[in-house]
Amino acid sequence: MSAFSTGFQSELADLMRWRRDVRHFRTDPIDEAALLRCLDSFNLAPSVGLSEPWRLMRVDSAPARAAAVANFEAANSAALAGYNGDRAALYAGLKLSGMMDAPVHLAVWCDDATPKGAGLGAATMPEMRRYSVVGAITQFWLAARAAGLGVGWVSILDPAQLARDLDAPPAWQLIAYLCVGWPLEDSQTPELETAGWEARAPALPVLRR
């Protein structure tokens, strides 16, 4: 396999550096063709047994979005109740969702019942299907960032309730609720680090056995 040029490798490192979780969006619409080009990255993603278990759902209707927002607000209130003192005050000031402004909402699911791939690689580790979906999301995220779009992953949700509200098939498991749009600003620093919630580790520890 041939190596890419050093210039490309440097730009790829920059892309990963600039790939941030975005929660502050402009409300401008996204060109549909540009969004579809980013979504094409799912077709390039690897998956266990070539099962391609990802399933995408555009959450466009007002009732569906309202249900998702209500879900987040309830889960966020419950999460806040789990903190005390300064940590609770800091949590209360965090913006943890761009759902109200992002023009595109995507619910990404894993179809655990897919016959594609005939179960190869998933018999001993069935969670590999869900890991495959996460890998595909990462590729989409990088493609979106390369196009100037921002993506925010909303994880403070009740997935079972969301599945009911969005009428997802029983075998589908929620992996991600993504907000997609034009970011208000670009930053290489994670927003949680800027807010003082947590800091990045200085280096990756690698164990040897």
N, C-alpha and C. Protein backbone atom coordinates (compact mmCIF):
# COMPACT_ATOMS: atom_id res chain seq x y z
N MET A 1 0.85 -1.19 0.00
CA MET A 1 0.00 0.00 0.00
C MET A 1 0.88 1.24 0.00
N SER A 2 0.65 2.14 -0.93
CA SER A 2 1.47 3.34 -1.03
C SER A 2 1.10 4.34 0.06
N ALA A 3 2.11 5.05 0.53
CA ALA A 3 1.89 6.11 1.53
C ALA A 3 1.43 7.38 0.83
N PHE A 4 0.61 8.16 1.52
CA PHE A 4 0.22 9.46 0.99
C PHE A 4 1.36 10.45 1.21
N SER A 5 1.30 11.55 0.51
CA SER A 5 2.36 12.55 0.61
C SER A 5 2.41 13.13 2.01
N THR A 6 3.56 13.67 2.37
CA THR A 6 3.70 14.30 3.70
C THR A 6 2.76 15.49 3.82
N GLY A 7 2.51 16.18 2.70
CA GLY A 7 1.57 17.31 2.74
C GLY A 7 0.17 16.85 3.09
N PHE A 8 -0.26 15.74 2.48
CA PHE A 8 -1.58 15.20 2.78
C PHE A 8 -1.64 14.74 4.23
N GLN A 9 -0.60 14.08 4.71
CA GLN A 9 -0.58 13.60 6.09
C GLN A 9 -0.69 14.77 7.06
N SER A 10 -0.03 15.87 6.75
CA SER A 10 -0.11 17.05 7.61
C SER A 10 -1.52 17.63 7.61
N GLU A 11 -2.14 17.68 6.43
CA GLU A 11 -3.50 18.21 6.35
C GLU A 11 -4.49 17.29 7.08
N LEU A 12 -4.26 15.98 7.00
CA LEU A 12 -5.12 15.04 7.71
C LEU A 12 -5.01 15.25 9.21
N ALA A 13 -3.79 15.47 9.70
CA ALA A 13 -3.60 15.75 11.13
C ALA A 13 -4.33 17.04 11.52
N ASP A 14 -4.26 18.04 10.65
CA ASP A 14 -4.97 19.29 10.91
C ASP A 14 -6.49 19.06 10.97
N LEU A 15 -6.99 18.24 10.04
CA LEU A 15 -8.42 17.95 10.01
C LEU A 15 -8.86 17.30 11.32
N MET A 16 -8.09 16.35 11.80
CA MET A 16 -8.44 15.69 13.05
C MET A 16 -8.35 16.65 14.23
N ARG A 17 -7.38 17.58 14.16
CA ARG A 17 -7.24 18.57 15.22
C ARG A 17 -8.45 19.52 15.25
N TRP A 18 -8.94 19.87 14.07
CA TRP A 18 -10.05 20.82 13.98
C TRP A 18 -11.41 20.14 14.10
N ARG A 19 -11.46 18.81 14.19
CA ARG A 19 -12.73 18.11 14.35
C ARG A 19 -13.17 18.22 15.81
N ARG A 20 -14.08 19.11 16.05
CA ARG A 20 -14.53 19.36 17.41
C ARG A 20 -16.03 19.07 17.52
N ASP A 21 -16.49 18.81 18.72
CA ASP A 21 -17.91 18.64 18.99
C ASP A 21 -18.53 20.04 19.04
N VAL A 22 -19.41 20.32 18.09
CA VAL A 22 -19.98 21.67 17.96
C VAL A 22 -21.36 21.71 18.61
N ARG A 23 -21.59 22.74 19.40
CA ARG A 23 -22.90 22.92 20.03
C ARG A 23 -23.51 24.29 19.73
N HIS A 24 -22.72 25.16 19.12
CA HIS A 24 -23.20 26.50 18.75
C HIS A 24 -23.26 26.59 17.22
N PHE A 25 -24.47 26.63 16.69
CA PHE A 25 -24.67 26.60 15.25
C PHE A 25 -25.36 27.86 14.75
N ARG A 26 -25.06 28.20 13.49
CA ARG A 26 -25.90 29.13 12.77
C ARG A 26 -27.13 28.37 12.30
N THR A 27 -28.21 29.07 12.06
CA THR A 27 -29.44 28.41 11.63
C THR A 27 -29.55 28.32 10.12
N ASP A 28 -28.53 28.80 9.38
CA ASP A 28 -28.56 28.75 7.92
C ASP A 28 -28.75 27.32 7.44
N PRO A 29 -29.54 27.11 6.40
CA PRO A 29 -29.70 25.75 5.88
C PRO A 29 -28.42 25.23 5.25
N ILE A 30 -28.33 23.91 5.16
CA ILE A 30 -27.20 23.25 4.51
C ILE A 30 -27.63 22.84 3.11
N ASP A 31 -26.78 23.09 2.13
CA ASP A 31 -27.06 22.63 0.78
C ASP A 31 -27.21 21.11 0.80
N GLU A 32 -28.32 20.63 0.25
CA GLU A 32 -28.62 19.20 0.32
C GLU A 32 -27.55 18.35 -0.37
N ALA A 33 -27.05 18.84 -1.49
CA ALA A 33 -26.02 18.08 -2.22
C ALA A 33 -24.75 17.95 -1.38
N ALA A 34 -24.40 19.03 -0.67
CA ALA A 34 -23.20 19.00 0.18
C ALA A 34 -23.39 18.01 1.32
N LEU A 35 -24.58 17.98 1.91
CA LEU A 35 -24.85 17.04 3.00
C LEU A 35 -24.78 15.61 2.49
N LEU A 36 -25.35 15.35 1.33
CA LEU A 36 -25.34 14.00 0.78
C LEU A 36 -23.93 13.53 0.47
N ARG A 37 -23.08 14.46 0.04
CA ARG A 37 -21.68 14.08 -0.21
C ARG A 37 -21.02 13.63 1.09
N CYS A 38 -21.31 14.32 2.18
CA CYS A 38 -20.75 13.92 3.48
C CYS A 38 -21.32 12.57 3.92
N LEU A 39 -22.61 12.38 3.70
CA LEU A 39 -23.24 11.12 4.10
C LEU A 39 -22.72 9.95 3.29
N ASP A 40 -22.21 10.22 2.08
CA ASP A 40 -21.62 9.15 1.27
C ASP A 40 -20.45 8.47 1.98
N SER A 41 -19.87 9.16 2.97
CA SER A 41 -18.74 8.58 3.69
C SER A 41 -19.14 7.31 4.44
N PHE A 42 -20.44 7.17 4.75
CA PHE A 42 -20.89 5.93 5.38
C PHE A 42 -20.66 4.74 4.45
N ASN A 43 -20.81 4.97 3.15
CA ASN A 43 -20.62 3.88 2.19
C ASN A 43 -19.16 3.45 2.09
N LEU A 44 -18.25 4.27 2.58
CA LEU A 44 -16.82 3.95 2.53
C LEU A 44 -16.32 3.34 3.83
N ALA A 45 -17.17 3.30 4.84
CA ALA A 45 -16.73 2.88 6.17
C ALA A 45 -16.56 1.36 6.26
N PRO A 46 -15.58 0.91 7.05
CA PRO A 46 -15.44 -0.53 7.30
C PRO A 46 -16.50 -1.01 8.28
N SER A 47 -16.79 -2.30 8.24
CA SER A 47 -17.73 -2.86 9.21
C SER A 47 -17.43 -4.33 9.41
N VAL A 48 -17.75 -4.82 10.59
CA VAL A 48 -17.47 -6.22 10.91
C VAL A 48 -18.27 -7.12 9.96
N GLY A 49 -17.57 -8.07 9.33
CA GLY A 49 -18.23 -8.99 8.42
C GLY A 49 -18.85 -8.33 7.21
N LEU A 50 -18.46 -7.08 6.94
CA LEU A 50 -19.09 -6.27 5.88
C LEU A 50 -20.61 -6.22 6.07
N SER A 51 -20.99 -6.09 7.35
CA SER A 51 -22.42 -6.10 7.68
C SER A 51 -23.09 -4.76 7.45
N GLU A 52 -22.32 -3.67 7.42
CA GLU A 52 -22.86 -2.33 7.21
C GLU A 52 -24.16 -2.11 8.00
N PRO A 53 -24.08 -2.21 9.34
CA PRO A 53 -25.29 -2.22 10.15
C PRO A 53 -25.87 -0.84 10.46
N TRP A 54 -25.25 0.23 9.93
CA TRP A 54 -25.74 1.57 10.26
C TRP A 54 -27.07 1.85 9.54
N ARG A 55 -27.93 2.54 10.26
CA ARG A 55 -29.22 2.98 9.72
C ARG A 55 -29.38 4.44 10.10
N LEU A 56 -29.70 5.28 9.13
CA LEU A 56 -29.80 6.72 9.36
C LEU A 56 -31.25 7.17 9.27
N MET A 57 -31.58 8.12 10.13
CA MET A 57 -32.91 8.69 10.15
C MET A 57 -32.80 10.21 10.24
N ARG A 58 -33.35 10.91 9.25
CA ARG A 58 -33.40 12.37 9.31
C ARG A 58 -34.57 12.75 10.21
N VAL A 59 -34.29 13.54 11.21
CA VAL A 59 -35.35 13.99 12.13
C VAL A 59 -35.72 15.40 11.70
N ASP A 60 -36.76 15.51 10.88
CA ASP A 60 -37.11 16.78 10.26
C ASP A 60 -38.41 17.38 10.78
N SER A 61 -39.38 16.54 11.10
CA SER A 61 -40.70 17.07 11.45
C SER A 61 -40.67 17.78 12.81
N ALA A 62 -41.55 18.76 12.95
CA ALA A 62 -41.61 19.51 14.21
C ALA A 62 -41.95 18.61 15.39
N PRO A 63 -42.91 17.68 15.28
CA PRO A 63 -43.21 16.82 16.43
C PRO A 63 -42.03 15.92 16.82
N ALA A 64 -41.32 15.39 15.83
CA ALA A 64 -40.19 14.50 16.13
C ALA A 64 -39.06 15.29 16.80
N ARG A 65 -38.80 16.48 16.31
CA ARG A 65 -37.74 17.30 16.92
C ARG A 65 -38.14 17.72 18.33
N ALA A 66 -39.39 18.07 18.50
CA ALA A 66 -39.85 18.48 19.84
C ALA A 66 -39.70 17.33 20.83
N ALA A 67 -40.00 16.12 20.39
CA ALA A 67 -39.85 14.96 21.27
C ALA A 67 -38.39 14.74 21.63
N ALA A 68 -37.49 14.91 20.65
CA ALA A 68 -36.06 14.73 20.91
C ALA A 68 -35.54 15.79 21.87
N VAL A 69 -35.98 17.03 21.68
CA VAL A 69 -35.55 18.12 22.57
C VAL A 69 -36.07 17.89 23.99
N ALA A 70 -37.34 17.50 24.11
CA ALA A 70 -37.90 17.22 25.43
C ALA A 70 -37.15 16.07 26.11
N ASN A 71 -36.76 15.08 25.33
CA ASN A 71 -35.99 13.96 25.84
C ASN A 71 -34.66 14.45 26.41
N PHE A 72 -33.97 15.27 25.64
CA PHE A 72 -32.69 15.82 26.12
C PHE A 72 -32.89 16.64 27.39
N GLU A 73 -33.88 17.50 27.41
CA GLU A 73 -34.07 18.38 28.57
C GLU A 73 -34.34 17.56 29.83
N ALA A 74 -35.13 16.50 29.71
CA ALA A 74 -35.42 15.65 30.88
C ALA A 74 -34.16 14.93 31.34
N ALA A 75 -33.40 14.38 30.39
CA ALA A 75 -32.17 13.66 30.74
C ALA A 75 -31.13 14.61 31.30
N ASN A 76 -31.09 15.83 30.77
CA ASN A 76 -30.11 16.81 31.25
C ASN A 76 -30.42 17.25 32.67
N SER A 77 -31.69 17.42 32.97
CA SER A 77 -32.09 17.78 34.34
C SER A 77 -31.72 16.67 35.32
N ALA A 78 -31.94 15.43 34.90
CA ALA A 78 -31.59 14.29 35.75
C ALA A 78 -30.08 14.22 35.97
N ALA A 79 -29.31 14.49 34.91
CA ALA A 79 -27.85 14.46 35.03
C ALA A 79 -27.36 15.57 35.97
N LEU A 80 -27.95 16.75 35.87
CA LEU A 80 -27.57 17.86 36.75
C LEU A 80 -27.80 17.50 38.21
N ALA A 81 -28.86 16.77 38.49
CA ALA A 81 -29.17 16.39 39.87
C ALA A 81 -28.12 15.45 40.46
N GLY A 82 -27.30 14.86 39.61
CA GLY A 82 -26.26 13.96 40.09
C GLY A 82 -24.99 14.65 40.51
N TYR A 83 -24.92 15.98 40.35
CA TYR A 83 -23.73 16.74 40.74
C TYR A 83 -24.06 17.66 41.92
N ASN A 84 -23.01 18.07 42.62
CA ASN A 84 -23.19 18.95 43.77
C ASN A 84 -22.17 20.09 43.72
N GLY A 85 -22.48 21.15 44.41
CA GLY A 85 -21.54 22.24 44.61
C GLY A 85 -21.05 22.88 43.33
N ASP A 86 -19.74 23.12 43.29
CA ASP A 86 -19.14 23.81 42.14
C ASP A 86 -19.34 23.03 40.85
N ARG A 87 -19.28 21.70 40.95
CA ARG A 87 -19.43 20.87 39.75
C ARG A 87 -20.84 21.04 39.19
N ALA A 88 -21.83 21.10 40.06
CA ALA A 88 -23.21 21.30 39.61
C ALA A 88 -23.37 22.67 38.95
N ALA A 89 -22.76 23.69 39.55
CA ALA A 89 -22.85 25.03 38.98
C ALA A 89 -22.19 25.09 37.61
N LEU A 90 -21.05 24.41 37.48
CA LEU A 90 -20.35 24.39 36.20
C LEU A 90 -21.19 23.63 35.16
N TYR A 91 -21.74 22.49 35.57
CA TYR A 91 -22.56 21.70 34.65
C TYR A 91 -23.76 22.52 34.16
N ALA A 92 -24.40 23.24 35.06
CA ALA A 92 -25.59 24.02 34.71
C ALA A 92 -25.28 25.09 33.67
N GLY A 93 -24.03 25.54 33.62
CA GLY A 93 -23.65 26.57 32.66
C GLY A 93 -23.18 26.05 31.32
N LEU A 94 -23.07 24.74 31.19
CA LEU A 94 -22.59 24.16 29.94
C LEU A 94 -23.71 24.10 28.91
N LYS A 95 -23.36 24.38 27.67
CA LYS A 95 -24.31 24.16 26.56
C LYS A 95 -23.99 22.79 25.99
N LEU A 96 -24.87 21.84 26.21
CA LEU A 96 -24.59 20.45 25.88
C LEU A 96 -25.37 19.93 24.69
N SER A 97 -26.05 20.83 24.02
CA SER A 97 -26.82 20.43 22.84
C SER A 97 -26.99 21.62 21.91
N GLY A 98 -26.87 21.36 20.61
CA GLY A 98 -27.16 22.39 19.61
C GLY A 98 -28.47 22.12 18.91
N MET A 99 -29.36 21.38 19.55
CA MET A 99 -30.59 20.91 18.92
C MET A 99 -31.52 22.04 18.49
N MET A 100 -31.49 23.15 19.20
CA MET A 100 -32.43 24.23 18.90
C MET A 100 -32.04 25.01 17.65
N ASP A 101 -30.75 24.97 17.28
CA ASP A 101 -30.28 25.79 16.16
C ASP A 101 -29.84 25.00 14.94
N ALA A 102 -29.33 23.80 15.13
CA ALA A 102 -28.77 23.04 14.01
C ALA A 102 -29.86 22.74 12.98
N PRO A 103 -29.61 23.01 11.71
CA PRO A 103 -30.64 22.77 10.69
C PRO A 103 -30.89 21.30 10.39
N VAL A 104 -29.91 20.43 10.68
CA VAL A 104 -30.06 19.01 10.37
C VAL A 104 -29.88 18.18 11.65
N HIS A 105 -30.83 17.30 11.90
CA HIS A 105 -30.73 16.33 12.99
C HIS A 105 -30.70 14.94 12.39
N LEU A 106 -29.74 14.13 12.82
CA LEU A 106 -29.63 12.75 12.35
C LEU A 106 -29.62 11.80 13.54
N ALA A 107 -30.49 10.82 13.51
CA ALA A 107 -30.43 9.73 14.48
C ALA A 107 -29.76 8.56 13.77
N VAL A 108 -28.68 8.06 14.36
CA VAL A 108 -27.91 6.97 13.75
C VAL A 108 -28.08 5.73 14.62
N TRP A 109 -28.48 4.63 13.98
CA TRP A 109 -28.82 3.41 14.69
C TRP A 109 -27.95 2.26 14.22
N CYS A 110 -27.91 1.22 15.03
CA CYS A 110 -27.28 -0.04 14.64
C CYS A 110 -28.38 -1.08 14.52
N ASP A 111 -28.44 -1.72 13.36
CA ASP A 111 -29.41 -2.80 13.15
C ASP A 111 -28.77 -4.11 13.59
N ASP A 112 -29.06 -4.51 14.80
CA ASP A 112 -28.47 -5.73 15.35
C ASP A 112 -29.03 -7.00 14.72
N ALA A 113 -30.10 -6.87 13.95
CA ALA A 113 -30.70 -8.04 13.33
C ALA A 113 -30.36 -8.17 11.85
N THR A 114 -29.45 -7.33 11.38
CA THR A 114 -29.15 -7.39 9.95
C THR A 114 -28.61 -8.77 9.55
N PRO A 115 -29.12 -9.33 8.46
CA PRO A 115 -28.57 -10.60 7.98
C PRO A 115 -27.29 -10.40 7.18
N LYS A 116 -27.01 -9.14 6.80
CA LYS A 116 -25.82 -8.87 5.99
C LYS A 116 -24.57 -9.21 6.79
N GLY A 117 -23.65 -9.89 6.14
CA GLY A 117 -22.43 -10.31 6.81
C GLY A 117 -22.52 -11.68 7.44
N ALA A 118 -23.75 -12.22 7.53
CA ALA A 118 -23.99 -13.57 8.06
C ALA A 118 -23.33 -13.79 9.42
N GLY A 119 -23.24 -12.72 10.22
CA GLY A 119 -22.72 -12.84 11.58
C GLY A 119 -21.22 -12.97 11.69
N LEU A 120 -20.50 -12.87 10.56
CA LEU A 120 -19.04 -13.03 10.61
C LEU A 120 -18.42 -11.97 11.52
N GLY A 121 -17.60 -12.45 12.47
CA GLY A 121 -16.90 -11.54 13.37
C GLY A 121 -17.73 -11.02 14.52
N ALA A 122 -19.01 -11.33 14.55
CA ALA A 122 -19.89 -10.80 15.59
C ALA A 122 -20.40 -11.89 16.53
N ALA A 123 -20.03 -13.13 16.28
CA ALA A 123 -20.54 -14.21 17.14
C ALA A 123 -19.97 -14.11 18.55
N THR A 124 -18.67 -13.84 18.67
CA THR A 124 -18.06 -13.72 19.99
C THR A 124 -18.13 -12.31 20.54
N MET A 125 -18.20 -11.32 19.64
CA MET A 125 -18.28 -9.92 20.06
C MET A 125 -19.38 -9.22 19.27
N PRO A 126 -20.65 -9.44 19.64
CA PRO A 126 -21.74 -8.83 18.89
C PRO A 126 -21.71 -7.30 18.92
N GLU A 127 -21.04 -6.75 19.93
CA GLU A 127 -20.93 -5.29 20.00
C GLU A 127 -20.11 -4.71 18.85
N MET A 128 -19.41 -5.57 18.10
CA MET A 128 -18.62 -5.09 16.97
C MET A 128 -19.48 -4.39 15.94
N ARG A 129 -20.74 -4.80 15.81
CA ARG A 129 -21.62 -4.09 14.88
C ARG A 129 -21.78 -2.63 15.31
N ARG A 130 -21.93 -2.42 16.62
CA ARG A 130 -22.11 -1.04 17.10
C ARG A 130 -20.81 -0.25 16.98
N TYR A 131 -19.68 -0.93 17.21
CA TYR A 131 -18.40 -0.25 17.00
C TYR A 131 -18.24 0.15 15.54
N SER A 132 -18.74 -0.69 14.64
CA SER A 132 -18.67 -0.37 13.22
C SER A 132 -19.45 0.90 12.91
N VAL A 133 -20.60 1.06 13.55
CA VAL A 133 -21.40 2.27 13.34
C VAL A 133 -20.64 3.50 13.86
N VAL A 134 -20.00 3.36 15.00
CA VAL A 134 -19.21 4.47 15.55
C VAL A 134 -18.09 4.86 14.59
N GLY A 135 -17.43 3.85 14.00
CA GLY A 135 -16.38 4.13 13.03
C GLY A 135 -16.92 4.88 11.82
N ALA A 136 -18.11 4.50 11.36
CA ALA A 136 -18.72 5.18 10.22
C ALA A 136 -19.08 6.62 10.57
N ILE A 137 -19.56 6.82 11.80
CA ILE A 137 -19.87 8.18 12.24
C ILE A 137 -18.62 9.05 12.23
N THR A 138 -17.50 8.49 12.67
CA THR A 138 -16.24 9.24 12.68
C THR A 138 -15.87 9.67 11.27
N GLN A 139 -16.03 8.78 10.31
CA GLN A 139 -15.72 9.15 8.93
C GLN A 139 -16.65 10.27 8.44
N PHE A 140 -17.94 10.17 8.76
CA PHE A 140 -18.87 11.23 8.40
C PHE A 140 -18.46 12.55 9.02
N TRP A 141 -18.06 12.50 10.29
CA TRP A 141 -17.69 13.71 11.04
C TRP A 141 -16.51 14.40 10.36
N LEU A 142 -15.51 13.62 9.96
CA LEU A 142 -14.35 14.20 9.29
C LEU A 142 -14.73 14.78 7.93
N ALA A 143 -15.59 14.08 7.21
CA ALA A 143 -16.04 14.58 5.91
C ALA A 143 -16.80 15.89 6.07
N ALA A 144 -17.66 15.95 7.10
CA ALA A 144 -18.42 17.17 7.35
C ALA A 144 -17.49 18.32 7.72
N ARG A 145 -16.50 18.03 8.57
CA ARG A 145 -15.56 19.09 8.97
C ARG A 145 -14.75 19.58 7.77
N ALA A 146 -14.36 18.66 6.89
CA ALA A 146 -13.61 19.05 5.70
C ALA A 146 -14.44 19.97 4.81
N ALA A 147 -15.76 19.84 4.87
CA ALA A 147 -16.65 20.69 4.07
C ALA A 147 -17.03 21.97 4.81
N GLY A 148 -16.47 22.17 6.01
CA GLY A 148 -16.76 23.37 6.78
C GLY A 148 -17.95 23.25 7.70
N LEU A 149 -18.56 22.07 7.76
CA LEU A 149 -19.72 21.86 8.62
C LEU A 149 -19.28 21.44 10.02
N GLY A 150 -20.14 21.70 10.99
CA GLY A 150 -19.91 21.25 12.35
C GLY A 150 -20.88 20.14 12.70
N VAL A 151 -20.43 19.25 13.59
CA VAL A 151 -21.27 18.14 14.06
C VAL A 151 -21.22 18.11 15.58
N GLY A 152 -22.36 17.91 16.20
CA GLY A 152 -22.43 17.76 17.64
C GLY A 152 -23.15 16.47 17.99
N TRP A 153 -22.55 15.69 18.88
CA TRP A 153 -23.11 14.39 19.29
C TRP A 153 -23.85 14.59 20.61
N VAL A 154 -25.16 14.41 20.60
CA VAL A 154 -25.97 14.57 21.81
C VAL A 154 -26.12 13.20 22.46
N SER A 155 -25.48 13.02 23.60
CA SER A 155 -25.51 11.72 24.28
C SER A 155 -26.36 11.74 25.54
N ILE A 156 -26.86 12.90 25.91
CA ILE A 156 -27.67 13.01 27.13
C ILE A 156 -29.13 12.82 26.72
N LEU A 157 -29.48 11.55 26.53
CA LEU A 157 -30.80 11.18 26.03
C LEU A 157 -31.21 9.84 26.64
N ASP A 158 -32.48 9.59 26.65
CA ASP A 158 -33.02 8.28 26.98
C ASP A 158 -33.23 7.55 25.65
N PRO A 159 -32.35 6.61 25.29
CA PRO A 159 -32.44 6.00 23.96
C PRO A 159 -33.71 5.19 23.75
N ALA A 160 -34.21 4.54 24.78
CA ALA A 160 -35.43 3.75 24.63
C ALA A 160 -36.62 4.65 24.33
N GLN A 161 -36.69 5.79 25.02
CA GLN A 161 -37.79 6.73 24.77
C GLN A 161 -37.68 7.32 23.38
N LEU A 162 -36.46 7.65 22.96
CA LEU A 162 -36.27 8.22 21.62
C LEU A 162 -36.68 7.20 20.55
N ALA A 163 -36.33 5.94 20.76
CA ALA A 163 -36.72 4.90 19.80
C ALA A 163 -38.24 4.82 19.68
N ARG A 164 -38.93 4.95 20.81
CA ARG A 164 -40.40 4.93 20.75
C ARG A 164 -40.93 6.17 20.04
N ASP A 165 -40.38 7.32 20.37
CA ASP A 165 -40.87 8.57 19.77
C ASP A 165 -40.62 8.62 18.27
N LEU A 166 -39.52 8.03 17.81
CA LEU A 166 -39.19 8.06 16.39
C LEU A 166 -39.64 6.80 15.67
N ASP A 167 -40.32 5.91 16.39
CA ASP A 167 -40.87 4.69 15.80
C ASP A 167 -39.79 3.87 15.10
N ALA A 168 -38.68 3.67 15.79
CA ALA A 168 -37.59 2.87 15.23
C ALA A 168 -37.94 1.39 15.33
N PRO A 169 -37.50 0.57 14.38
CA PRO A 169 -37.73 -0.88 14.47
C PRO A 169 -37.12 -1.45 15.74
N PRO A 170 -37.70 -2.51 16.29
CA PRO A 170 -37.23 -3.06 17.57
C PRO A 170 -35.76 -3.47 17.59
N ALA A 171 -35.23 -3.93 16.48
CA ALA A 171 -33.83 -4.39 16.45
C ALA A 171 -32.83 -3.26 16.31
N TRP A 172 -33.30 -2.04 16.11
CA TRP A 172 -32.40 -0.90 15.97
C TRP A 172 -32.04 -0.36 17.35
N GLN A 173 -30.75 -0.16 17.58
CA GLN A 173 -30.25 0.43 18.82
C GLN A 173 -29.65 1.79 18.52
N LEU A 174 -30.02 2.79 19.30
CA LEU A 174 -29.50 4.14 19.07
C LEU A 174 -28.01 4.19 19.38
N ILE A 175 -27.25 4.71 18.44
CA ILE A 175 -25.82 4.92 18.65
C ILE A 175 -25.52 6.40 18.82
N ALA A 176 -26.15 7.25 18.01
CA ALA A 176 -25.83 8.67 18.10
C ALA A 176 -27.02 9.51 17.64
N TYR A 177 -27.17 10.64 18.30
CA TYR A 177 -28.07 11.69 17.82
C TYR A 177 -27.17 12.86 17.47
N LEU A 178 -27.11 13.19 16.18
CA LEU A 178 -26.15 14.18 15.69
C LEU A 178 -26.86 15.45 15.23
N CYS A 179 -26.32 16.58 15.64
CA CYS A 179 -26.73 17.87 15.14
C CYS A 179 -25.68 18.32 14.12
N VAL A 180 -26.14 18.77 12.97
CA VAL A 180 -25.23 19.14 11.88
C VAL A 180 -25.60 20.53 11.36
N GLY A 181 -24.60 21.37 11.19
CA GLY A 181 -24.85 22.71 10.67
C GLY A 181 -23.57 23.50 10.57
N TRP A 182 -23.72 24.77 10.23
CA TRP A 182 -22.56 25.66 10.13
C TRP A 182 -22.20 26.17 11.54
N PRO A 183 -20.98 25.94 12.00
CA PRO A 183 -20.62 26.38 13.36
C PRO A 183 -20.55 27.90 13.46
N LEU A 184 -20.89 28.41 14.63
CA LEU A 184 -20.77 29.85 14.85
C LEU A 184 -19.31 30.28 14.81
N GLU A 185 -18.42 29.43 15.29
CA GLU A 185 -16.99 29.72 15.27
C GLU A 185 -16.21 28.42 15.25
N ASP A 186 -14.97 28.50 14.80
CA ASP A 186 -14.10 27.33 14.76
C ASP A 186 -13.10 27.40 15.91
N SER A 187 -12.80 26.24 16.49
CA SER A 187 -11.81 26.19 17.56
C SER A 187 -11.17 24.81 17.58
N GLN A 188 -9.88 24.77 17.85
CA GLN A 188 -9.19 23.49 18.02
C GLN A 188 -9.33 22.95 19.44
N THR A 189 -9.79 23.79 20.35
CA THR A 189 -9.87 23.39 21.76
C THR A 189 -11.26 22.86 22.08
N PRO A 190 -11.37 21.67 22.65
CA PRO A 190 -12.69 21.16 23.04
C PRO A 190 -13.41 22.14 23.95
N GLU A 191 -14.70 22.30 23.69
CA GLU A 191 -15.48 23.27 24.46
C GLU A 191 -15.47 22.96 25.95
N LEU A 192 -15.48 21.68 26.32
CA LEU A 192 -15.47 21.31 27.73
C LEU A 192 -14.15 21.70 28.39
N GLU A 193 -13.08 21.70 27.60
CA GLU A 193 -11.79 22.14 28.14
C GLU A 193 -11.80 23.65 28.35
N THR A 194 -12.35 24.38 27.39
CA THR A 194 -12.46 25.84 27.51
C THR A 194 -13.30 26.22 28.72
N ALA A 195 -14.36 25.45 28.98
CA ALA A 195 -15.26 25.76 30.11
C ALA A 195 -14.68 25.33 31.45
N GLY A 196 -13.58 24.57 31.43
CA GLY A 196 -12.96 24.14 32.68
C GLY A 196 -13.53 22.84 33.24
N TRP A 197 -14.28 22.09 32.41
CA TRP A 197 -14.85 20.84 32.89
C TRP A 197 -13.80 19.74 32.99
N GLU A 198 -12.95 19.64 31.97
CA GLU A 198 -11.93 18.60 31.93
C GLU A 198 -10.82 19.05 30.98
N ALA A 199 -9.64 18.44 31.13
CA ALA A 199 -8.51 18.77 30.26
C ALA A 199 -8.06 17.51 29.52
N ARG A 200 -7.48 17.71 28.37
CA ARG A 200 -6.95 16.58 27.62
C ARG A 200 -5.74 15.99 28.32
N ALA A 201 -5.55 14.68 28.18
CA ALA A 201 -4.35 14.04 28.71
C ALA A 201 -3.14 14.49 27.88
N PRO A 202 -1.99 14.69 28.51
CA PRO A 202 -0.82 15.19 27.77
C PRO A 202 -0.28 14.18 26.77
N ALA A 203 -0.45 12.91 27.03
CA ALA A 203 0.07 11.89 26.11
C ALA A 203 -0.72 10.61 26.28
N LEU A 204 -0.73 9.80 25.23
CA LEU A 204 -1.46 8.53 25.27
C LEU A 204 -0.61 7.46 25.95
N PRO A 205 -1.07 6.91 27.06
CA PRO A 205 -0.30 5.82 27.70
C PRO A 205 -0.47 4.53 26.89
N VAL A 206 0.60 3.86 26.62
CA VAL A 206 0.59 2.59 25.89
C VAL A 206 1.22 1.53 26.76
N LEU A 207 0.45 0.51 27.11
CA LEU A 207 0.97 -0.57 27.94
C LEU A 207 1.65 -1.61 27.07
N ARG A 208 2.63 -2.28 27.63
CA ARG A 208 3.30 -3.38 26.96
C ARG A 208 3.11 -4.65 27.76
N ARG A 209 2.93 -5.74 27.10
CA ARG A 209 2.79 -7.03 27.77
C ARG A 209 3.75 -8.04 27.15
